[in-house]
Structure formats: structure tokens, C-alpha cells
Amino acid sequence: MSNIDKRALAIPQREKHDWSQAVMRDCDFCQQWALTVKHSDGGGICASCCDSEYTTALSSALVVAIERSEAAEKRIAEQRGIILSARNFISEYAERGDAGAEEFVSIIDRAAGTAKGE
């Protein structure tokens, strides 16, 4: 997991607003008459649009996390397939009595999580 950009997996931070400074006006995002505060882009934003902005950021972060998880699951399945293919190849030698191959098969089984009792 060392090559994963952990910043990309971080939970987005909600933009902080000083609602004690709110004024009644049209929201620059939804055009509804509401209490608004200054937005980071300079316009006015209402509480509903603040919530929507944050939930959109959370949804985007969740999609990225799910995609990364699915990609990791796929890589793990591929690697496990490679390990099991190697096991099948080495097993042929173990069946012929090669003691080193038998030991190697047990190592592969532990690596693949297929050892007896797992």
C-alpha cells in the first residue's frame, strides 16, 4: 500500500463559514432567496447549497475509493492466479519426490492462503 496516494483517499474537508455574518439575498448557486454567507469563489451561498457542495465532494471521494478497492481486488486475484499457476508447475516436481519442490509448494500455499487449516 506504499504506492497509494493517501491524499486522494482522504475525506474532503467541509468549507467553514461564519453563519453569524449571514445575510438575506439570492443564493448565487440556486438563486433561492435565503440566508447566505460568502463563498470561497466570492459569491453568496445558502446552507442547502453548502450541504450539496460537501455531499458532492464526499460522493466523488467514495467513488474513487470504490474504484481503487475494485482495482486492488482485481490485482490480488491476478497475483493469486499467478501464485497458483506456479504451485501447479512446482507440484509436478513434488509428485516425483523432489523434497525441495515439496517445501516450495508449502511456501506457495502459505503465500496464497491455501495451506491446510486456512
N, C-alpha and C. Protein backbone atom coordinates (compact mmCIF):
# COMPACT_ATOMS: atom_id res chain seq x y z
N MET A 1 0.82 -1.19 0.00
CA MET A 1 0.00 0.00 0.00
C MET A 1 0.87 1.26 0.00
N SER A 2 2.16 1.08 -0.13
CA SER A 2 3.05 2.22 -0.04
C SER A 2 2.98 3.13 -1.26
N ASN A 3 2.53 2.61 -2.42
CA ASN A 3 2.49 3.45 -3.61
C ASN A 3 1.13 4.11 -3.83
N ILE A 4 0.21 4.00 -2.88
CA ILE A 4 -1.10 4.63 -2.99
C ILE A 4 -1.01 6.07 -2.50
N ASP A 5 -1.57 6.98 -3.28
CA ASP A 5 -1.62 8.38 -2.88
C ASP A 5 -2.69 8.52 -1.80
N LYS A 6 -2.26 8.55 -0.55
CA LYS A 6 -3.20 8.58 0.57
C LYS A 6 -3.99 9.89 0.62
N ARG A 7 -3.47 10.95 0.03
CA ARG A 7 -4.22 12.21 -0.01
C ARG A 7 -5.47 12.06 -0.86
N ALA A 8 -5.39 11.22 -1.89
CA ALA A 8 -6.55 11.00 -2.75
C ALA A 8 -7.63 10.22 -2.03
N LEU A 9 -7.26 9.50 -0.97
CA LEU A 9 -8.23 8.72 -0.20
C LEU A 9 -8.76 9.48 1.00
N ALA A 10 -8.30 10.70 1.20
CA ALA A 10 -8.72 11.48 2.37
C ALA A 10 -10.17 11.93 2.24
N ILE A 11 -10.82 12.06 3.37
CA ILE A 11 -12.19 12.59 3.40
C ILE A 11 -12.11 14.09 3.13
N PRO A 12 -12.91 14.58 2.17
CA PRO A 12 -12.88 16.01 1.88
C PRO A 12 -13.25 16.84 3.11
N GLN A 13 -12.64 17.97 3.23
CA GLN A 13 -12.94 18.87 4.34
C GLN A 13 -14.09 19.79 3.94
N ARG A 14 -15.00 19.96 4.86
CA ARG A 14 -16.13 20.86 4.63
C ARG A 14 -15.65 22.30 4.77
N GLU A 15 -16.03 23.13 3.81
CA GLU A 15 -15.64 24.54 3.88
C GLU A 15 -16.33 25.19 5.07
N LYS A 16 -15.57 25.90 5.85
CA LYS A 16 -16.12 26.55 7.05
C LYS A 16 -16.67 27.93 6.67
N HIS A 17 -17.83 28.24 7.24
CA HIS A 17 -18.48 29.53 7.01
C HIS A 17 -18.88 30.13 8.35
N ASP A 18 -18.83 31.44 8.42
CA ASP A 18 -19.27 32.16 9.61
C ASP A 18 -20.73 32.56 9.41
N TRP A 19 -21.64 31.69 9.89
CA TRP A 19 -23.06 31.94 9.68
C TRP A 19 -23.58 33.11 10.51
N SER A 20 -22.79 33.62 11.46
CA SER A 20 -23.23 34.81 12.20
C SER A 20 -23.16 36.05 11.29
N GLN A 21 -22.48 35.92 10.15
CA GLN A 21 -22.36 37.01 9.19
C GLN A 21 -23.32 36.84 8.00
N ALA A 22 -24.27 35.89 8.11
CA ALA A 22 -25.18 35.60 7.00
C ALA A 22 -26.12 36.78 6.72
N VAL A 23 -26.46 36.93 5.45
CA VAL A 23 -27.39 37.98 5.02
C VAL A 23 -28.45 37.35 4.12
N MET A 24 -29.64 37.96 4.11
CA MET A 24 -30.71 37.50 3.22
C MET A 24 -30.45 38.06 1.82
N ARG A 25 -30.37 37.16 0.85
CA ARG A 25 -30.20 37.54 -0.56
C ARG A 25 -30.37 36.31 -1.41
N ASP A 26 -30.35 36.47 -2.71
CA ASP A 26 -30.42 35.32 -3.61
C ASP A 26 -29.10 34.56 -3.56
N CYS A 27 -29.22 33.25 -3.40
CA CYS A 27 -28.03 32.39 -3.43
C CYS A 27 -27.49 32.38 -4.86
N ASP A 28 -26.19 32.54 -5.00
CA ASP A 28 -25.57 32.56 -6.33
C ASP A 28 -25.52 31.17 -6.98
N PHE A 29 -25.85 30.14 -6.20
CA PHE A 29 -25.80 28.77 -6.73
C PHE A 29 -27.18 28.26 -7.14
N CYS A 30 -28.20 28.52 -6.30
CA CYS A 30 -29.55 28.00 -6.59
C CYS A 30 -30.56 29.11 -6.87
N GLN A 31 -30.14 30.36 -6.74
CA GLN A 31 -30.99 31.53 -6.98
C GLN A 31 -32.21 31.61 -6.06
N GLN A 32 -32.19 30.91 -4.94
CA GLN A 32 -33.28 30.98 -3.96
C GLN A 32 -32.98 32.10 -2.96
N TRP A 33 -34.05 32.80 -2.52
CA TRP A 33 -33.91 33.83 -1.51
C TRP A 33 -33.67 33.12 -0.18
N ALA A 34 -32.51 33.33 0.43
CA ALA A 34 -32.16 32.62 1.66
C ALA A 34 -31.04 33.35 2.39
N LEU A 35 -30.79 32.90 3.62
CA LEU A 35 -29.61 33.37 4.33
C LEU A 35 -28.39 32.85 3.59
N THR A 36 -27.47 33.73 3.28
CA THR A 36 -26.27 33.32 2.55
C THR A 36 -25.02 33.85 3.26
N VAL A 37 -23.93 33.16 3.01
CA VAL A 37 -22.62 33.59 3.50
C VAL A 37 -21.68 33.67 2.31
N LYS A 38 -20.55 34.31 2.50
CA LYS A 38 -19.58 34.43 1.42
C LYS A 38 -18.97 33.06 1.12
N HIS A 39 -18.91 32.75 -0.16
CA HIS A 39 -18.31 31.50 -0.63
C HIS A 39 -16.86 31.79 -1.02
N SER A 40 -16.06 30.76 -1.09
CA SER A 40 -14.64 30.94 -1.42
C SER A 40 -14.44 31.54 -2.82
N ASP A 41 -15.43 31.39 -3.70
CA ASP A 41 -15.31 31.97 -5.05
C ASP A 41 -15.79 33.42 -5.09
N GLY A 42 -16.21 33.96 -3.94
CA GLY A 42 -16.62 35.36 -3.85
C GLY A 42 -18.11 35.58 -3.89
N GLY A 43 -18.89 34.60 -4.29
CA GLY A 43 -20.34 34.74 -4.33
C GLY A 43 -20.96 34.45 -2.98
N GLY A 44 -22.29 34.43 -2.96
CA GLY A 44 -23.02 34.08 -1.75
C GLY A 44 -23.61 32.69 -1.89
N ILE A 45 -23.57 31.92 -0.83
CA ILE A 45 -24.07 30.54 -0.86
C ILE A 45 -24.97 30.30 0.34
N CYS A 46 -26.07 29.57 0.10
CA CYS A 46 -27.01 29.24 1.18
C CYS A 46 -26.60 27.92 1.84
N ALA A 47 -27.23 27.60 2.96
CA ALA A 47 -26.89 26.38 3.71
C ALA A 47 -27.16 25.13 2.88
N SER A 48 -28.25 25.12 2.15
CA SER A 48 -28.59 23.95 1.33
C SER A 48 -27.51 23.71 0.27
N CYS A 49 -27.06 24.75 -0.37
CA CYS A 49 -26.01 24.60 -1.39
C CYS A 49 -24.68 24.21 -0.75
N CYS A 50 -24.41 24.70 0.47
CA CYS A 50 -23.20 24.27 1.20
C CYS A 50 -23.24 22.76 1.42
N ASP A 51 -24.41 22.28 1.87
CA ASP A 51 -24.57 20.84 2.09
C ASP A 51 -24.40 20.07 0.79
N SER A 52 -25.00 20.56 -0.28
CA SER A 52 -24.92 19.89 -1.58
C SER A 52 -23.48 19.85 -2.08
N GLU A 53 -22.77 20.94 -1.90
CA GLU A 53 -21.37 21.03 -2.32
C GLU A 53 -20.53 19.98 -1.58
N TYR A 54 -20.76 19.85 -0.29
CA TYR A 54 -19.99 18.91 0.53
C TYR A 54 -20.37 17.46 0.20
N THR A 55 -21.66 17.18 0.05
CA THR A 55 -22.06 15.80 -0.25
C THR A 55 -21.57 15.39 -1.64
N THR A 56 -21.47 16.31 -2.57
CA THR A 56 -20.91 16.01 -3.89
C THR A 56 -19.44 15.63 -3.75
N ALA A 57 -18.71 16.38 -2.94
CA ALA A 57 -17.29 16.06 -2.70
C ALA A 57 -17.15 14.69 -2.03
N LEU A 58 -18.02 14.40 -1.06
CA LEU A 58 -17.99 13.09 -0.39
C LEU A 58 -18.30 11.97 -1.38
N SER A 59 -19.30 12.18 -2.22
CA SER A 59 -19.67 11.17 -3.22
C SER A 59 -18.51 10.90 -4.17
N SER A 60 -17.84 11.95 -4.61
CA SER A 60 -16.70 11.79 -5.51
C SER A 60 -15.58 11.01 -4.83
N ALA A 61 -15.31 11.31 -3.56
CA ALA A 61 -14.27 10.60 -2.82
C ALA A 61 -14.64 9.13 -2.64
N LEU A 62 -15.93 8.86 -2.42
CA LEU A 62 -16.39 7.49 -2.27
C LEU A 62 -16.23 6.71 -3.57
N VAL A 63 -16.56 7.32 -4.69
CA VAL A 63 -16.40 6.66 -5.99
C VAL A 63 -14.93 6.32 -6.22
N VAL A 64 -14.03 7.25 -5.92
CA VAL A 64 -12.60 6.99 -6.08
C VAL A 64 -12.16 5.83 -5.18
N ALA A 65 -12.62 5.82 -3.94
CA ALA A 65 -12.26 4.74 -3.01
C ALA A 65 -12.77 3.39 -3.50
N ILE A 66 -14.00 3.36 -4.01
CA ILE A 66 -14.56 2.11 -4.52
C ILE A 66 -13.78 1.64 -5.74
N GLU A 67 -13.46 2.54 -6.65
CA GLU A 67 -12.69 2.18 -7.84
C GLU A 67 -11.32 1.63 -7.45
N ARG A 68 -10.67 2.27 -6.49
CA ARG A 68 -9.35 1.79 -6.04
C ARG A 68 -9.46 0.42 -5.38
N SER A 69 -10.53 0.22 -4.61
CA SER A 69 -10.75 -1.06 -3.95
C SER A 69 -10.97 -2.16 -4.98
N GLU A 70 -11.79 -1.87 -5.99
CA GLU A 70 -12.05 -2.86 -7.03
C GLU A 70 -10.78 -3.18 -7.81
N ALA A 71 -9.97 -2.16 -8.10
CA ALA A 71 -8.71 -2.39 -8.80
C ALA A 71 -7.76 -3.23 -7.96
N ALA A 72 -7.72 -2.97 -6.65
CA ALA A 72 -6.87 -3.76 -5.76
C ALA A 72 -7.34 -5.21 -5.69
N GLU A 73 -8.66 -5.42 -5.62
CA GLU A 73 -9.20 -6.78 -5.61
C GLU A 73 -8.82 -7.52 -6.88
N LYS A 74 -8.87 -6.82 -8.01
CA LYS A 74 -8.51 -7.44 -9.29
C LYS A 74 -7.03 -7.81 -9.30
N ARG A 75 -6.17 -6.90 -8.83
CA ARG A 75 -4.73 -7.20 -8.77
C ARG A 75 -4.45 -8.39 -7.87
N ILE A 76 -5.13 -8.44 -6.74
CA ILE A 76 -4.93 -9.56 -5.80
C ILE A 76 -5.35 -10.87 -6.46
N ALA A 77 -6.48 -10.87 -7.15
CA ALA A 77 -6.94 -12.09 -7.83
C ALA A 77 -5.96 -12.52 -8.90
N GLU A 78 -5.43 -11.55 -9.65
CA GLU A 78 -4.44 -11.88 -10.69
C GLU A 78 -3.17 -12.46 -10.07
N GLN A 79 -2.71 -11.86 -8.99
CA GLN A 79 -1.49 -12.34 -8.33
C GLN A 79 -1.71 -13.72 -7.72
N ARG A 80 -2.88 -13.93 -7.17
CA ARG A 80 -3.18 -15.24 -6.61
C ARG A 80 -3.20 -16.29 -7.73
N GLY A 81 -3.74 -15.93 -8.89
CA GLY A 81 -3.74 -16.83 -10.04
C GLY A 81 -2.33 -17.19 -10.48
N ILE A 82 -1.45 -16.20 -10.47
CA ILE A 82 -0.05 -16.45 -10.84
C ILE A 82 0.59 -17.39 -9.82
N ILE A 83 0.33 -17.14 -8.54
CA ILE A 83 0.90 -17.99 -7.49
C ILE A 83 0.39 -19.42 -7.64
N LEU A 84 -0.90 -19.58 -7.90
CA LEU A 84 -1.47 -20.93 -8.02
C LEU A 84 -0.95 -21.63 -9.28
N SER A 85 -0.70 -20.88 -10.35
CA SER A 85 -0.11 -21.47 -11.55
C SER A 85 1.30 -21.97 -11.25
N ALA A 86 2.05 -21.19 -10.50
CA ALA A 86 3.40 -21.61 -10.11
C ALA A 86 3.32 -22.85 -9.23
N ARG A 87 2.32 -22.90 -8.35
CA ARG A 87 2.15 -24.07 -7.49
C ARG A 87 1.90 -25.32 -8.32
N ASN A 88 1.02 -25.20 -9.31
CA ASN A 88 0.73 -26.35 -10.16
C ASN A 88 1.97 -26.83 -10.89
N PHE A 89 2.78 -25.90 -11.36
CA PHE A 89 4.02 -26.25 -12.07
C PHE A 89 5.00 -26.96 -11.14
N ILE A 90 5.21 -26.39 -9.95
CA ILE A 90 6.16 -26.97 -8.99
C ILE A 90 5.62 -28.28 -8.43
N SER A 91 4.30 -28.42 -8.32
CA SER A 91 3.69 -29.66 -7.79
C SER A 91 4.08 -30.88 -8.60
N GLU A 92 4.26 -30.70 -9.90
CA GLU A 92 4.67 -31.83 -10.74
C GLU A 92 6.01 -32.40 -10.27
N TYR A 93 6.92 -31.53 -9.88
CA TYR A 93 8.22 -31.99 -9.37
C TYR A 93 8.08 -32.60 -7.99
N ALA A 94 7.20 -32.01 -7.16
CA ALA A 94 6.98 -32.54 -5.81
C ALA A 94 6.39 -33.95 -5.90
N GLU A 95 5.52 -34.19 -6.85
CA GLU A 95 4.91 -35.51 -7.01
C GLU A 95 5.94 -36.56 -7.41
N ARG A 96 7.03 -36.13 -8.00
CA ARG A 96 8.11 -37.04 -8.40
C ARG A 96 9.11 -37.26 -7.27
N GLY A 97 8.81 -36.67 -6.10
CA GLY A 97 9.66 -36.91 -4.93
C GLY A 97 10.72 -35.86 -4.67
N ASP A 98 10.68 -34.77 -5.37
CA ASP A 98 11.66 -33.69 -5.16
C ASP A 98 11.33 -32.99 -3.85
N ALA A 99 12.19 -33.19 -2.83
CA ALA A 99 11.94 -32.62 -1.49
C ALA A 99 11.94 -31.10 -1.51
N GLY A 100 12.82 -30.51 -2.30
CA GLY A 100 12.86 -29.04 -2.39
C GLY A 100 11.58 -28.50 -2.99
N ALA A 101 11.06 -29.22 -3.97
CA ALA A 101 9.81 -28.78 -4.60
C ALA A 101 8.65 -28.89 -3.62
N GLU A 102 8.64 -29.93 -2.78
CA GLU A 102 7.59 -30.09 -1.77
C GLU A 102 7.60 -28.91 -0.81
N GLU A 103 8.78 -28.52 -0.37
CA GLU A 103 8.90 -27.37 0.54
C GLU A 103 8.43 -26.09 -0.15
N PHE A 104 8.80 -25.95 -1.43
CA PHE A 104 8.41 -24.77 -2.18
C PHE A 104 6.89 -24.72 -2.35
N VAL A 105 6.25 -25.87 -2.55
CA VAL A 105 4.79 -25.93 -2.67
C VAL A 105 4.14 -25.46 -1.37
N SER A 106 4.71 -25.87 -0.23
CA SER A 106 4.13 -25.44 1.05
C SER A 106 4.31 -23.93 1.25
N ILE A 107 5.41 -23.38 0.77
CA ILE A 107 5.63 -21.93 0.84
C ILE A 107 4.62 -21.21 -0.03
N ILE A 108 4.39 -21.73 -1.23
CA ILE A 108 3.41 -21.12 -2.14
C ILE A 108 2.02 -21.19 -1.52
N ASP A 109 1.69 -22.33 -0.90
CA ASP A 109 0.38 -22.47 -0.27
C ASP A 109 0.18 -21.42 0.83
N ARG A 110 1.22 -21.18 1.62
CA ARG A 110 1.12 -20.15 2.67
C ARG A 110 0.93 -18.77 2.04
N ALA A 111 1.67 -18.52 0.98
CA ALA A 111 1.57 -17.20 0.32
C ALA A 111 0.20 -16.98 -0.29
N ALA A 112 -0.39 -18.05 -0.82
CA ALA A 112 -1.70 -17.93 -1.47
C ALA A 112 -2.85 -18.10 -0.48
N GLY A 113 -2.53 -18.41 0.78
CA GLY A 113 -3.58 -18.59 1.77
C GLY A 113 -4.35 -19.88 1.58
N THR A 114 -3.70 -20.87 0.97
CA THR A 114 -4.39 -22.14 0.73
C THR A 114 -3.81 -23.28 1.55
N ALA A 115 -2.96 -22.97 2.52
CA ALA A 115 -2.36 -24.00 3.36
C ALA A 115 -3.45 -24.68 4.19
N LYS A 116 -3.22 -25.89 4.60
CA LYS A 116 -4.20 -26.64 5.40
C LYS A 116 -4.52 -25.85 6.65
N GLY A 117 -5.80 -25.77 6.98
CA GLY A 117 -6.23 -25.07 8.19
C GLY A 117 -6.56 -23.61 7.96
N GLU A 118 -6.37 -23.10 6.73
CA GLU A 118 -6.70 -21.70 6.46
C GLU A 118 -7.99 -21.57 5.74
